[in-house]
Amino acid sequence: MYKGIEHTAIATPDPEALASWYDRILNFPIVHRYAGNVFVKAPDDTMLEIIPSEGDQAETQMKTPGIRHLAISVDDFEAGKKDLESKGVEIVQEVNASGNRLAFFLDPEGNILHLIHRETPIV
């Protein structure tokens, strides 16, 4: 019955600009638009829906309640990190925990993302 998470939505004052960032930086092309909403799609078929925001942005930290980050899987951690840095993305924290490598960074709206490469998959 339940097949998985098709997409996650991110609200922003400028959906086109944020969607273009995901396309340019992570190679998640824009695949659909409607009523001001823009969908970008990762190579594994997961999607982000970038929607028009309303009101002021709430201040969040790494462990504030709610969705806290998007984990972007990579085959080659070093190549992914270097690619981000070459595009002007600042890595704000790097973690190596039990063979799992993570590199945290922010999108232009301050949403937390991180690259992840797992030495051993969870499942």
C-alpha atoms as a PDB file:
ATOM      1  CA  MET A   1       0.000   0.000   0.000  1.00  0.00           C
ATOM      2  CA  TYR A   2       2.559   2.638   1.099  1.00  0.00           C
ATOM      3  CA  LYS A   3       5.393   2.719  -1.390  1.00  0.00           C
ATOM      4  CA  GLY A   4       7.716   5.429  -0.094  1.00  0.00           C
ATOM      5  CA  ILE A   5       8.274   9.155  -0.009  1.00  0.00           C
ATOM      6  CA  GLU A   6       7.653  10.564  -3.468  1.00  0.00           C
ATOM      7  CA  HIS A   7       8.646  14.108  -2.586  1.00  0.00           C
ATOM      8  CA  THR A   8       9.364  16.551   0.197  1.00  0.00           C
ATOM      9  CA  ALA A   9       8.258  20.180  -0.041  1.00  0.00           C
ATOM     10  CA  ILE A  10      10.402  23.212   0.716  1.00  0.00           C
ATOM     11  CA  ALA A  11       8.712  26.617   0.983  1.00  0.00           C
ATOM     12  CA  THR A  12      10.585  29.662  -0.281  1.00  0.00           C
ATOM     13  CA  PRO A  13       9.817  33.224  -1.409  1.00  0.00           C
ATOM     14  CA  ASP A  14      11.299  32.381  -4.842  1.00  0.00           C
ATOM     15  CA  PRO A  15      10.606  28.773  -5.947  1.00  0.00           C
ATOM     16  CA  GLU A  16      12.181  29.246  -9.387  1.00  0.00           C
ATOM     17  CA  ALA A  17      15.475  30.510  -7.929  1.00  0.00           C
ATOM     18  CA  LEU A  18      15.728  27.746  -5.331  1.00  0.00           C
ATOM     19  CA  ALA A  19      14.788  25.048  -7.842  1.00  0.00           C
ATOM     20  CA  SER A  20      17.451  26.419 -10.201  1.00  0.00           C
ATOM     21  CA  TRP A  21      20.028  26.119  -7.379  1.00  0.00           C
ATOM     22  CA  TYR A  22      19.141  22.435  -6.850  1.00  0.00           C
ATOM     23  CA  ASP A  23      19.422  21.898 -10.604  1.00  0.00           C
ATOM     24  CA  ARG A  24      22.732  23.765 -10.953  1.00  0.00           C
ATOM     25  CA  ILE A  25      24.436  22.530  -7.764  1.00  0.00           C
ATOM     26  CA  LEU A  26      23.109  18.976  -7.317  1.00  0.00           C
ATOM     27  CA  ASN A  27      22.068  18.197 -10.886  1.00  0.00           C
ATOM     28  CA  PHE A  28      18.435  17.692  -9.847  1.00  0.00           C
ATOM     29  CA  PRO A  29      16.674  18.935 -12.998  1.00  0.00           C
ATOM     30  CA  ILE A  30      13.373  20.772 -12.975  1.00  0.00           C
ATOM     31  CA  VAL A  31      10.790  18.243 -14.145  1.00  0.00           C
ATOM     32  CA  HIS A  32       7.429  19.887 -13.491  1.00  0.00           C
ATOM     33  CA  ARG A  33       5.837  23.253 -12.747  1.00  0.00           C
ATOM     34  CA  TYR A  34       2.326  24.200 -11.712  1.00  0.00           C
ATOM     35  CA  ALA A  35       0.705  27.170  -9.953  1.00  0.00           C
ATOM     36  CA  GLY A  36       4.085  28.586  -8.869  1.00  0.00           C
ATOM     37  CA  ASN A  37       5.353  25.222  -7.572  1.00  0.00           C
ATOM     38  CA  VAL A  38       8.470  23.669  -9.079  1.00  0.00           C
ATOM     39  CA  PHE A  39       9.537  20.018  -8.850  1.00  0.00           C
ATOM     40  CA  VAL A  40      13.166  18.894  -9.105  1.00  0.00           C
ATOM     41  CA  LYS A  41      14.103  15.232  -9.449  1.00  0.00           C
ATOM     42  CA  ALA A  42      17.154  13.332  -8.226  1.00  0.00           C
ATOM     43  CA  PRO A  43      18.669  10.470 -10.240  1.00  0.00           C
ATOM     44  CA  ASP A  44      17.035   7.951  -7.832  1.00  0.00           C
ATOM     45  CA  ASP A  45      13.586   9.409  -8.754  1.00  0.00           C
ATOM     46  CA  THR A  46      12.949  11.152  -5.423  1.00  0.00           C
ATOM     47  CA  MET A  47      11.723  14.698  -5.789  1.00  0.00           C
ATOM     48  CA  LEU A  48      11.620  18.031  -4.012  1.00  0.00           C
ATOM     49  CA  GLU A  49       8.629  20.282  -4.521  1.00  0.00           C
ATOM     50  CA  ILE A  50       9.657  23.918  -4.166  1.00  0.00           C
ATOM     51  CA  ILE A  51       6.566  25.911  -3.178  1.00  0.00           C
ATOM     52  CA  PRO A  52       5.835  29.611  -2.610  1.00  0.00           C
ATOM     53  CA  SER A  53       6.194  30.517   1.058  1.00  0.00           C
ATOM     54  CA  GLU A  54       3.947  32.703   3.184  1.00  0.00           C
ATOM     55  CA  GLY A  55       4.994  34.648   6.269  1.00  0.00           C
ATOM     56  CA  ASP A  56       8.375  34.958   7.939  1.00  0.00           C
ATOM     57  CA  GLN A  57      10.966  32.213   7.976  1.00  0.00           C
ATOM     58  CA  ALA A  58      11.313  30.470  11.341  1.00  0.00           C
ATOM     59  CA  GLU A  59      14.777  30.267  12.854  1.00  0.00           C
ATOM     60  CA  THR A  60      15.960  26.662  13.089  1.00  0.00           C
ATOM     61  CA  GLN A  61      18.996  24.819  14.361  1.00  0.00           C
ATOM     62  CA  MET A  62      20.331  21.289  13.745  1.00  0.00           C
ATOM     63  CA  LYS A  63      17.995  19.710  16.294  1.00  0.00           C
ATOM     64  CA  THR A  64      14.992  22.046  16.378  1.00  0.00           C
ATOM     65  CA  PRO A  65      11.774  19.988  16.180  1.00  0.00           C
ATOM     66  CA  GLY A  66      10.658  19.121  12.668  1.00  0.00           C
ATOM     67  CA  ILE A  67      12.419  18.025   9.505  1.00  0.00           C
ATOM     68  CA  ARG A  68      16.073  18.986   9.968  1.00  0.00           C
ATOM     69  CA  HIS A  69      18.035  17.965   6.916  1.00  0.00           C
ATOM     70  CA  LEU A  70      18.063  16.294   3.542  1.00  0.00           C
ATOM     71  CA  ALA A  71      20.724  13.607   3.162  1.00  0.00           C
ATOM     72  CA  ILE A  72      22.135  13.392  -0.361  1.00  0.00           C
ATOM     73  CA  SER A  73      23.741  10.013  -1.066  1.00  0.00           C
ATOM     74  CA  VAL A  74      26.925   9.877  -3.122  1.00  0.00           C
ATOM     75  CA  ASP A  75      29.056   7.069  -4.517  1.00  0.00           C
ATOM     76  CA  ASP A  76      32.267   9.067  -4.155  1.00  0.00           C
ATOM     77  CA  PHE A  77      32.290  11.280  -1.056  1.00  0.00           C
ATOM     78  CA  GLU A  78      35.464  13.233  -1.882  1.00  0.00           C
ATOM     79  CA  ALA A  79      34.358  13.909  -5.451  1.00  0.00           C
ATOM     80  CA  GLY A  80      30.948  15.109  -4.243  1.00  0.00           C
ATOM     81  CA  LYS A  81      32.490  17.404  -1.639  1.00  0.00           C
ATOM     82  CA  LYS A  82      34.978  18.844  -4.141  1.00  0.00           C
ATOM     83  CA  ASP A  83      32.182  19.389  -6.669  1.00  0.00           C
ATOM     84  CA  LEU A  84      30.144  21.351  -4.136  1.00  0.00           C
ATOM     85  CA  GLU A  85      33.146  23.448  -3.115  1.00  0.00           C
ATOM     86  CA  SER A  86      33.996  24.158  -6.760  1.00  0.00           C
ATOM     87  CA  LYS A  87      30.472  25.579  -7.127  1.00  0.00           C
ATOM     88  CA  GLY A  88      30.951  27.902  -4.150  1.00  0.00           C
ATOM     89  CA  VAL A  89      29.087  25.785  -1.594  1.00  0.00           C
ATOM     90  CA  GLU A  90      30.609  26.000   1.891  1.00  0.00           C
ATOM     91  CA  ILE A  91      30.912  22.770   3.853  1.00  0.00           C
ATOM     92  CA  VAL A  92      29.950  23.829   7.391  1.00  0.00           C
ATOM     93  CA  GLN A  93      30.673  20.556   9.178  1.00  0.00           C
ATOM     94  CA  GLU A  94      32.222  17.228   8.294  1.00  0.00           C
ATOM     95  CA  VAL A  95      31.641  14.035  10.285  1.00  0.00           C
ATOM     96  CA  ASN A  96      33.101  10.541  10.065  1.00  0.00           C
ATOM     97  CA  ALA A  97      31.053   8.232  12.285  1.00  0.00           C
ATOM     98  CA  SER A  98      31.581   4.479  12.177  1.00  0.00           C
ATOM     99  CA  GLY A  99      32.705   4.649   8.565  1.00  0.00           C
ATOM    100  CA  ASN A 100      29.829   6.901   7.496  1.00  0.00           C
ATOM    101  CA  ARG A 101      31.062  10.166   6.004  1.00  0.00           C
ATOM    102  CA  LEU A 102      28.895  13.276   6.105  1.00  0.00           C
ATOM    103  CA  ALA A 103      29.480  16.809   4.860  1.00  0.00           C
ATOM    104  CA  PHE A 104      26.878  19.364   5.974  1.00  0.00           C
ATOM    105  CA  PHE A 105      26.025  22.420   3.876  1.00  0.00           C
ATOM    106  CA  LEU A 106      23.152  24.860   3.372  1.00  0.00           C
ATOM    107  CA  ASP A 107      21.056  25.769   0.387  1.00  0.00           C
ATOM    108  CA  PRO A 108      20.518  29.511  -0.306  1.00  0.00           C
ATOM    109  CA  GLU A 109      17.437  29.516   1.977  1.00  0.00           C
ATOM    110  CA  GLY A 110      19.379  28.051   4.934  1.00  0.00           C
ATOM    111  CA  ASN A 111      17.917  24.551   4.634  1.00  0.00           C
ATOM    112  CA  ILE A 112      20.364  21.964   5.974  1.00  0.00           C
ATOM    113  CA  LEU A 113      21.629  19.283   3.617  1.00  0.00           C
ATOM    114  CA  HIS A 114      24.455  16.820   3.830  1.00  0.00           C
ATOM    115  CA  LEU A 115      26.305  14.479   1.594  1.00  0.00           C
ATOM    116  CA  ILE A 116      26.403  10.943   2.929  1.00  0.00           C
ATOM    117  CA  HIS A 117      28.427   7.925   2.021  1.00  0.00           C
ATOM    118  CA  ARG A 118      27.825   4.832   4.121  1.00  0.00           C
ATOM    119  CA  GLU A 119      30.570   2.244   4.411  1.00  0.00           C
ATOM    120  CA  THR A 120      27.834  -0.305   5.112  1.00  0.00           C
ATOM    121  CA  PRO A 121      24.244   0.329   4.049  1.00  0.00           C
ATOM    122  CA  ILE A 122      21.643   0.417   6.839  1.00  0.00           C
ATOM    123  CA  VAL A 123      19.608  -2.293   5.126  1.00  0.00           C
END
